[in-house]
Protein backbone atom coordinates (compact mmCIF):
# COMPACT_ATOMS: atom_id res chain seq x y z
CA UNK A 1 16.17 -21.57 51.09
CA UNK A 2 17.58 -18.61 49.16
CA UNK A 3 16.01 -19.95 45.97
CA UNK A 4 12.62 -20.28 47.73
CA UNK A 5 12.85 -16.68 48.93
CA UNK A 6 13.66 -15.56 45.37
CA UNK A 7 10.58 -17.39 44.08
CA UNK A 8 8.38 -15.82 46.77
CA UNK A 9 9.72 -12.34 45.96
CA UNK A 10 9.27 -12.99 42.24
CA UNK A 11 5.62 -14.02 42.53
CA UNK A 12 4.80 -11.23 44.97
CA UNK A 13 6.26 -8.87 42.38
CA UNK A 14 4.23 -10.56 39.65
CA UNK A 15 0.94 -10.09 41.50
CA UNK A 16 1.77 -6.44 42.17
CA UNK A 17 2.64 -5.89 38.50
CA UNK A 18 -0.53 -7.72 37.43
CA UNK A 19 -2.53 -5.21 39.42
CA UNK A 20 -0.62 -2.31 37.86
CA UNK A 21 -0.93 -3.92 34.41
CA UNK A 22 -4.70 -4.30 34.85
CA UNK A 23 -5.00 -0.65 35.84
CA UNK A 24 -2.87 0.54 32.90
CA UNK A 25 -4.80 -1.66 30.44
CA UNK A 26 -7.94 0.26 31.35
CA UNK A 27 -6.29 3.46 30.17
CA UNK A 28 -4.84 1.73 27.09
CA UNK A 29 -1.14 1.74 27.96
CA UNK A 30 1.05 -1.12 26.74
CA UNK A 31 3.93 -0.95 29.22
CA UNK A 32 4.08 -4.24 31.10
CA UNK A 33 4.32 -7.79 29.72
CA UNK A 34 1.52 -10.36 29.79
CA UNK A 35 1.14 -11.97 33.24
CA UNK A 36 -1.48 -14.56 32.29
CA UNK A 37 -1.18 -18.13 33.56
CA UNK A 38 -0.21 -19.26 30.04
CA UNK A 39 2.80 -16.91 30.02
CA UNK A 40 3.82 -17.51 33.63
CA UNK A 41 4.04 -21.25 32.92
CA UNK A 42 6.92 -20.44 30.56
CA UNK A 43 8.95 -18.46 33.08
CA UNK A 44 12.30 -20.15 33.71
CA UNK A 45 15.13 -19.47 36.16
CA UNK A 46 18.69 -18.91 34.93
CA UNK A 47 21.36 -20.20 37.34
CA UNK A 48 23.98 -18.30 35.36
CA UNK A 49 22.30 -14.89 35.59
CA UNK A 50 20.41 -15.70 38.78
CA UNK A 51 17.25 -14.21 37.32
CA UNK A 52 13.96 -15.24 35.73
CA UNK A 53 13.29 -15.07 32.00
CA UNK A 54 10.47 -15.85 29.60
CA UNK A 55 10.95 -18.73 27.16
CA UNK A 56 8.78 -18.56 24.02
CA UNK A 57 8.04 -22.15 23.02
CA UNK A 58 5.22 -21.68 20.48
CA UNK A 59 6.78 -20.79 17.13
CA UNK A 60 3.58 -21.11 15.11
CA UNK A 61 2.78 -17.42 15.43
CA UNK A 62 4.00 -14.16 16.94
CA UNK A 63 1.97 -11.68 18.97
CA UNK A 64 2.97 -8.03 19.22
CA UNK A 65 1.38 -4.86 20.56
CA UNK A 66 1.91 -1.57 18.78
CA UNK A 67 0.85 1.84 20.03
CA UNK A 68 1.01 4.23 17.07
CA UNK A 69 -0.20 7.32 18.94
CA UNK A 70 3.00 9.23 18.12
CA UNK A 71 2.88 8.30 14.44
CA UNK A 72 1.06 10.09 11.64
CA UNK A 73 2.27 8.47 8.44
CA UNK A 74 1.48 9.50 4.89
CA UNK A 75 -1.08 6.71 4.74
CA UNK A 76 -2.68 8.03 7.96
CA UNK A 77 -3.07 11.42 6.27
CA UNK A 78 -4.54 9.94 3.10
CA UNK A 79 -6.95 7.88 5.22
CA UNK A 80 -7.94 11.05 7.06
CA UNK A 81 -8.53 12.78 3.71
CA UNK A 82 -10.99 10.10 2.58
CA UNK A 83 -12.48 9.66 6.07
CA UNK A 84 -11.45 6.00 6.07
CA UNK A 85 -12.04 4.02 9.27
CA UNK A 86 -8.59 2.41 8.93
CA UNK A 87 -7.06 5.75 9.94
CA UNK A 88 -7.26 6.88 13.58
CA UNK A 89 -7.26 10.48 12.29
CA UNK A 90 -10.51 10.11 10.36
CA UNK A 91 -13.73 11.75 11.49
CA UNK A 92 -15.78 8.57 11.69
CA UNK A 93 -18.50 8.50 14.33
CA UNK A 94 -18.56 4.72 14.68
CA UNK A 95 -15.10 3.25 14.01
CA UNK A 96 -11.57 4.62 13.93
CA UNK A 97 -9.02 1.81 13.72
CA UNK A 98 -5.27 2.43 14.24
CA UNK A 99 -4.16 0.50 11.17
CA UNK A 100 -2.69 3.04 8.75
CA UNK A 101 0.46 3.69 10.77
CA UNK A 102 1.14 -0.05 10.94
CA UNK A 103 0.33 -0.58 7.26
CA UNK A 104 2.80 2.13 6.35
CA UNK A 105 5.54 0.03 7.98
CA UNK A 106 4.60 -3.18 6.14
CA UNK A 107 3.51 -1.66 2.81
CA UNK A 108 5.87 1.26 2.29
CA UNK A 109 8.20 -0.63 -0.06
CA UNK A 110 5.30 -1.11 -2.50
CA UNK A 111 4.37 2.59 -2.76
CA UNK A 112 5.95 3.22 -6.15
CA UNK A 113 5.93 -0.32 -7.52
CA UNK A 114 3.72 -1.91 -10.15
CA UNK A 115 1.91 -4.76 -8.38
CA UNK A 116 -1.51 -6.27 -7.65
CA UNK A 117 -3.41 -5.17 -4.55
CA UNK A 118 -6.81 -6.48 -3.41
CA UNK A 119 -9.30 -5.40 -0.77
CA UNK A 120 -12.15 -7.68 0.24
CA UNK A 121 -15.14 -5.66 1.43
CA UNK A 122 -14.98 -2.22 -0.15
CA UNK A 123 -17.99 -0.82 1.74
CA UNK A 124 -20.63 1.70 0.64
CA UNK A 125 -18.22 4.62 -0.01
CA UNK A 126 -15.06 2.78 -1.09
CA UNK A 127 -13.00 4.82 1.37
CA UNK A 128 -10.37 2.09 1.77
CA UNK A 129 -9.99 1.60 -1.98
CA UNK A 130 -9.70 5.35 -2.56
CA UNK A 131 -7.08 5.60 0.17
CA UNK A 132 -5.00 2.73 -1.21
CA UNK A 133 -5.46 3.99 -4.78
CA UNK A 134 -3.76 7.26 -3.83
CA UNK A 135 -1.10 5.58 -1.68
CA UNK A 136 -0.09 2.91 -4.21
CA UNK A 137 0.36 5.14 -7.23
CA UNK A 138 1.32 2.44 -9.75
CA UNK A 139 -0.61 -0.55 -8.42
CA UNK A 140 -3.48 -2.41 -10.02
CA UNK A 141 -6.32 -2.26 -7.48
CA UNK A 142 -8.90 -5.05 -7.19
CA UNK A 143 -12.03 -4.58 -5.09
CA UNK A 144 -14.13 -7.56 -3.97
CA UNK A 145 -17.60 -6.92 -2.59
CA UNK A 146 -20.87 -8.76 -1.89
CA UNK A 147 -23.31 -5.86 -2.36
CA UNK A 148 -23.83 -4.86 -5.98
CA UNK A 149 -24.82 -1.32 -4.94
CA UNK A 150 -21.37 -0.83 -3.39
CA UNK A 151 -19.67 -2.03 -6.58
CA UNK A 152 -21.87 0.28 -8.64
CA UNK A 153 -20.86 3.26 -6.50
CA UNK A 154 -17.17 2.33 -6.74
CA UNK A 155 -17.31 2.14 -10.52
CA UNK A 156 -18.78 5.65 -10.68
CA UNK A 157 -15.61 6.95 -8.99
CA UNK A 158 -13.65 5.90 -12.10
CA UNK A 159 -10.48 5.17 -10.14
CA UNK A 160 -7.61 4.41 -12.50
CA UNK A 161 -6.46 0.80 -12.88
CA UNK A 162 -9.21 -0.40 -10.52
CA UNK A 163 -11.31 -3.53 -11.10
CA UNK A 164 -14.30 -4.96 -9.24
CA UNK A 165 -15.61 -8.45 -8.55
CA UNK A 166 -18.56 -9.86 -6.67
CA UNK A 167 -17.68 -12.14 -3.75
CA UNK A 168 -19.45 -13.97 -0.92
CA UNK A 169 -16.98 -14.72 1.88
CA UNK A 170 -19.47 -17.10 3.50
CA UNK A 171 -18.85 -19.53 0.64
CA UNK A 172 -15.34 -20.97 0.28
CA UNK A 173 -15.88 -21.97 -3.35
CA UNK A 174 -17.16 -18.49 -4.17
CA UNK A 175 -14.01 -16.88 -2.72
CA UNK A 176 -11.78 -19.11 -4.84
CA UNK A 177 -13.92 -18.55 -7.92
CA UNK A 178 -13.91 -14.75 -7.52
CA UNK A 179 -10.11 -14.57 -7.26
CA UNK A 180 -9.71 -17.04 -10.13
CA UNK A 181 -11.57 -14.62 -12.40
CA UNK A 182 -8.81 -12.03 -12.02
CA UNK A 183 -6.19 -14.38 -13.50
CA UNK A 184 -3.72 -12.64 -11.21
CA UNK A 185 -1.61 -13.29 -8.15
CA UNK A 186 -1.27 -10.64 -5.50
CA UNK A 187 1.44 -9.05 -3.41
CA UNK A 188 -1.11 -7.75 -0.88
CA UNK A 189 -4.66 -8.83 0.02
CA UNK A 190 -6.54 -7.00 2.80
CA UNK A 191 -9.76 -8.43 4.24
CA UNK A 192 -12.25 -5.86 5.52
CA UNK A 193 -15.45 -7.82 4.94
CA UNK A 194 -17.87 -8.89 7.67
CA UNK A 195 -15.27 -9.83 10.38
CA UNK A 196 -17.11 -13.06 11.22
CA UNK A 197 -14.58 -15.64 12.44
CA UNK A 198 -15.57 -18.59 10.16
CA UNK A 199 -15.45 -16.28 7.14
CA UNK A 200 -12.02 -14.97 8.13
CA UNK A 201 -10.84 -18.58 8.17
CA UNK A 202 -12.48 -19.13 4.75
CA UNK A 203 -10.61 -16.15 3.35
CA UNK A 204 -7.22 -17.28 4.65
CA UNK A 205 -7.66 -20.82 3.32
CA UNK A 206 -8.87 -19.76 -0.12
CA UNK A 207 -6.74 -16.68 -0.76
CA UNK A 208 -3.40 -18.33 0.05
CA UNK A 209 -3.08 -19.75 -3.48
CA UNK A 210 -3.52 -16.27 -4.99
CA UNK A 211 -0.59 -14.74 -3.13
CA UNK A 212 2.87 -14.49 -4.64
CA UNK A 213 5.82 -15.80 -2.56
CA UNK A 214 6.34 -13.39 0.37
CA UNK A 215 2.93 -11.88 -0.41
CA UNK A 216 0.97 -10.40 2.49
CA UNK A 217 -2.55 -11.33 3.58
CA UNK A 218 -4.10 -9.12 6.27
CA UNK A 219 -7.24 -10.01 8.23
CA UNK A 220 -8.64 -6.89 9.88
CA UNK A 221 -10.85 -6.40 12.92
CA UNK A 222 -10.18 -9.55 14.90
CA UNK A 223 -12.00 -9.51 18.22
CA UNK A 224 -9.56 -9.32 21.11
CA UNK A 225 -10.36 -12.18 23.45
CA UNK A 226 -8.52 -14.91 25.31
CA UNK A 227 -6.66 -17.41 23.13
CA UNK A 228 -8.04 -15.96 19.88
CA UNK A 229 -4.65 -16.65 18.24
CA UNK A 230 -4.86 -20.33 19.18
CA UNK A 231 -8.37 -20.49 17.73
CA UNK A 232 -7.09 -19.21 14.39
CA UNK A 233 -4.20 -21.67 14.37
CA UNK A 234 -6.50 -24.56 15.31
CA UNK A 235 -9.03 -23.86 12.55
CA UNK A 236 -6.45 -23.17 9.86
CA UNK A 237 -4.89 -26.61 10.26
CA UNK A 238 -2.78 -27.67 7.28
CA UNK A 239 -3.39 -24.33 5.54
CA UNK A 240 -0.73 -22.88 7.85
CA UNK A 241 1.91 -24.69 5.81
CA UNK A 242 1.30 -22.18 3.01
CA UNK A 243 2.63 -19.36 5.19
CA UNK A 244 6.10 -18.90 6.61
CA UNK A 245 5.04 -16.28 9.16
CA UNK A 246 1.86 -15.43 11.06
CA UNK A 247 1.81 -12.25 13.16
CA UNK A 248 -1.06 -11.07 15.37
CA UNK A 249 -0.93 -7.35 16.08
CA UNK A 250 -2.86 -5.70 18.92
CA UNK A 251 -3.20 -2.13 17.65
CA UNK A 252 -3.51 0.90 19.90
CA UNK A 253 -3.80 4.64 19.32
CA UNK A 254 -5.05 7.45 21.51
CA UNK A 255 -7.59 8.32 18.78
CA UNK A 256 -8.95 4.82 18.21
CA UNK A 257 -12.66 4.29 18.75
CA UNK A 258 -14.93 1.29 18.21
CA UNK A 259 -18.20 1.72 20.02
CA UNK A 260 -19.20 -1.49 21.85
CA UNK A 261 -16.52 -3.39 19.90
CA UNK A 262 -13.04 -4.55 20.90
CA UNK A 263 -11.59 -5.64 17.59
CA UNK A 264 -8.51 -3.49 16.89
CA UNK A 265 -6.44 -6.54 16.06
CA UNK A 266 -4.78 -7.67 12.83
CA UNK A 267 -3.60 -11.05 11.62
CA UNK A 268 -0.78 -10.63 9.11
CA UNK A 269 0.20 -13.74 7.16
CA UNK A 270 3.29 -13.92 4.94
CA UNK A 271 3.15 -16.46 2.08
CA UNK A 272 5.86 -19.10 1.85
């Protein structure tokens, strides 16, 4: 009977917290845990501690939420300088993603190292490439882009140790061919192309072989929707074996802004 009462109290508390969590999510606060049916099914009861606890059973990937509102890293400042949409401090009218604070955590150790960095989708003003060029002072920077006009503009900037290649992320063979032309392997590859799910899968499958061990592949601007992580895992199939860690990051910042979009999510894959 006592155990039944504990269960009743627990689930009454859950429904109350779900209401509070829903309210807080509308004002972009990440305070309470996930109370979805998927997570509640993994709630277990400890007879030793006489309390409930969450048991993570899926070890294929990790999901974290990071609010970087109180962080303004050096990369955030550089992104602001070049008005790059990856920085929440930029002055972009359409997109301001909260990525630079998180990148500073993952990429900081490479700041003064000689290594190979690639960005897929350099855009019309090469703001991301310019930002990373200044941040990674000794790196060799490789820009991959579909539109020849964007490559032409980037070349006019005459960024040091920067190289450009045409790529079509809709075509798996083209992705592999473009990276093969570099005759390099990379410590970091960042995808900022067209954010279309099948093409993101294409990029992961075909770029894995061009990463060094422990190299980092980042897929930007994943649309936040139910079970999106499971969709990635499902479509990657055996390609997952090439990575020893897959982390999905829900990114938040008080300055973030994506009009009519909800895609402030990263997939970070670490090569085996």
